[in-house]
Every structure is written in C-alpha cells, then in structure tokens.
Amino acid sequence: MSAPTLAGSRPSVPRPLPPLTGPSARRLFLDERGAATAEYAIATMAAVAFAGLLVVIMRSDEVRGILTDLVRRALTVQ
C-alpha cells in the first residue's frame, strides 16, 4: 500500500545522503544531542530488570521465611 498524496503532487523521492568526510563526519560523530535521553532509557530498563529480579527473589519461600523471622526478632521485646 502506498502513502496517500495530495492531488497533483508527486510522492517525494528520498535524496541520496552526502558523503561523510572531514568536518561533516566529525561534527556528526561528536554531536551528543539525545545522549541523555538514551542514558535515561537504559537506566530505566536496568531498574525494571532489577525490580523484576527482586520480585522473583522475594516470592521464594526461603527468603520470605528469613524476612518474617527478621521482623519477629526486631519486634520482640527482651
């Protein structure tokens, strides 16, 4: 299926990219726009993965028993 066009207009044809040499290549590779956004996305994905791992660990009977015992000992008055 082709993209709709206005009556009487031709579909746009992509122009070839200019070669990346010298200053234009240096400028492109040193441009850091969007880097912070990518870093936030990676950090968010790592946090979600870590949270998922914690949920799996916390659901195990052994860990649940350890935490229950810890809370009981903390609340016991001696």
C-alpha atoms as a PDB file:
ATOM      1  CA  MET A   1       0.000   0.000   0.000  1.00  0.00           C
ATOM      2  CA  SER A   2       1.439   3.376  -0.963  1.00  0.00           C
ATOM      3  CA  ALA A   3       1.271   6.558   1.076  1.00  0.00           C
ATOM      4  CA  PRO A   4      -1.544   8.960   0.120  1.00  0.00           C
ATOM      5  CA  THR A   5      -0.550  12.056  -1.840  1.00  0.00           C
ATOM      6  CA  LEU A   6      -2.271  15.367  -2.469  1.00  0.00           C
ATOM      7  CA  ALA A   7      -3.975  15.783  -5.824  1.00  0.00           C
ATOM      8  CA  GLY A   8      -1.473  16.934  -8.409  1.00  0.00           C
ATOM      9  CA  SER A   9       1.601  16.305  -6.248  1.00  0.00           C
ATOM     10  CA  ARG A  10       4.245  13.697  -6.772  1.00  0.00           C
ATOM     11  CA  PRO A  11       5.384  11.373  -3.973  1.00  0.00           C
ATOM     12  CA  SER A  12       8.668  12.521  -2.502  1.00  0.00           C
ATOM     13  CA  VAL A  13      11.747  10.614  -3.532  1.00  0.00           C
ATOM     14  CA  PRO A  14      14.483  10.384  -0.886  1.00  0.00           C
ATOM     15  CA  ARG A  15      17.634  12.229  -1.874  1.00  0.00           C
ATOM     16  CA  PRO A  16      20.970  10.436  -1.510  1.00  0.00           C
ATOM     17  CA  LEU A  17      22.970  11.409   1.560  1.00  0.00           C
ATOM     18  CA  PRO A  18      26.163  13.394   1.069  1.00  0.00           C
ATOM     19  CA  PRO A  19      29.394  11.532   1.803  1.00  0.00           C
ATOM     20  CA  LEU A  20      30.615  11.714   5.405  1.00  0.00           C
ATOM     21  CA  THR A  21      34.103  13.107   5.211  1.00  0.00           C
ATOM     22  CA  GLY A  22      36.186  15.597   7.135  1.00  0.00           C
ATOM     23  CA  PRO A  23      34.395  18.236   9.215  1.00  0.00           C
ATOM     24  CA  SER A  24      30.880  16.971   8.496  1.00  0.00           C
ATOM     25  CA  ALA A  25      31.731  13.481   9.802  1.00  0.00           C
ATOM     26  CA  ARG A  26      33.493  14.919  12.857  1.00  0.00           C
ATOM     27  CA  ARG A  27      30.505  17.146  13.611  1.00  0.00           C
ATOM     28  CA  LEU A  28      28.092  14.219  13.268  1.00  0.00           C
ATOM     29  CA  PHE A  29      30.057  11.843  15.492  1.00  0.00           C
ATOM     30  CA  LEU A  30      30.722  14.447  18.194  1.00  0.00           C
ATOM     31  CA  ASP A  31      27.077  15.531  18.374  1.00  0.00           C
ATOM     32  CA  GLU A  32      25.666  14.315  21.715  1.00  0.00           C
ATOM     33  CA  ARG A  33      22.085  15.525  21.331  1.00  0.00           C
ATOM     34  CA  GLY A  34      19.778  12.815  22.620  1.00  0.00           C
ATOM     35  CA  ALA A  35      22.531  11.065  24.597  1.00  0.00           C
ATOM     36  CA  ALA A  36      20.937  11.920  27.948  1.00  0.00           C
ATOM     37  CA  THR A  37      17.609  10.526  26.783  1.00  0.00           C
ATOM     38  CA  ALA A  38      19.263   7.270  25.739  1.00  0.00           C
ATOM     39  CA  GLU A  39      21.075   7.059  29.074  1.00  0.00           C
ATOM     40  CA  TYR A  40      17.791   7.559  30.954  1.00  0.00           C
ATOM     41  CA  ALA A  41      16.159   4.840  28.855  1.00  0.00           C
ATOM     42  CA  ILE A  42      18.978   2.382  29.581  1.00  0.00           C
ATOM     43  CA  ALA A  43      18.940   3.204  33.306  1.00  0.00           C
ATOM     44  CA  THR A  44      15.150   2.773  33.397  1.00  0.00           C
ATOM     45  CA  MET A  45      15.375  -0.611  31.678  1.00  0.00           C
ATOM     46  CA  ALA A  46      18.060  -1.720  34.151  1.00  0.00           C
ATOM     47  CA  ALA A  47      15.902  -0.589  37.091  1.00  0.00           C
ATOM     48  CA  VAL A  48      12.894  -2.507  35.745  1.00  0.00           C
ATOM     49  CA  ALA A  49      15.010  -5.639  35.286  1.00  0.00           C
ATOM     50  CA  PHE A  50      16.393  -5.304  38.827  1.00  0.00           C
ATOM     51  CA  ALA A  51      12.872  -4.812  40.237  1.00  0.00           C
ATOM     52  CA  GLY A  52      11.716  -7.933  38.408  1.00  0.00           C
ATOM     53  CA  LEU A  53      14.610  -9.902  39.849  1.00  0.00           C
ATOM     54  CA  LEU A  54      13.747  -8.680  43.357  1.00  0.00           C
ATOM     55  CA  VAL A  55      10.124  -9.725  42.907  1.00  0.00           C
ATOM     56  CA  VAL A  56      11.205 -13.235  41.903  1.00  0.00           C
ATOM     57  CA  ILE A  57      13.584 -13.463  44.863  1.00  0.00           C
ATOM     58  CA  MET A  58      11.046 -12.094  47.351  1.00  0.00           C
ATOM     59  CA  ARG A  59       8.428 -14.647  46.291  1.00  0.00           C
ATOM     60  CA  SER A  60      10.612 -17.596  47.256  1.00  0.00           C
ATOM     61  CA  ASP A  61       9.633 -19.373  50.486  1.00  0.00           C
ATOM     62  CA  GLU A  62      13.171 -19.273  51.866  1.00  0.00           C
ATOM     63  CA  VAL A  63      13.526 -15.503  51.577  1.00  0.00           C
ATOM     64  CA  ARG A  64      10.018 -14.960  52.890  1.00  0.00           C
ATOM     65  CA  GLY A  65      10.886 -17.075  55.958  1.00  0.00           C
ATOM     66  CA  ILE A  66      14.122 -15.161  56.553  1.00  0.00           C
ATOM     67  CA  LEU A  67      12.328 -11.801  56.364  1.00  0.00           C
ATOM     68  CA  THR A  68       9.487 -12.981  58.619  1.00  0.00           C
ATOM     69  CA  ASP A  69      11.994 -14.213  61.195  1.00  0.00           C
ATOM     70  CA  LEU A  70      13.903 -10.916  60.986  1.00  0.00           C
ATOM     71  CA  VAL A  71      10.730  -8.883  61.587  1.00  0.00           C
ATOM     72  CA  ARG A  72       9.683 -11.125  64.501  1.00  0.00           C
ATOM     73  CA  ARG A  73      13.071 -10.747  66.171  1.00  0.00           C
ATOM     74  CA  ALA A  74      13.007  -6.981  65.632  1.00  0.00           C
ATOM     75  CA  LEU A  75       9.564  -6.658  67.225  1.00  0.00           C
ATOM     76  CA  THR A  76      10.260  -8.946  70.162  1.00  0.00           C
ATOM     77  CA  VAL A  77      10.859  -7.059  73.397  1.00  0.00           C
ATOM     78  CA  GLN A  78      13.510  -8.620  75.619  1.00  0.00           C
END
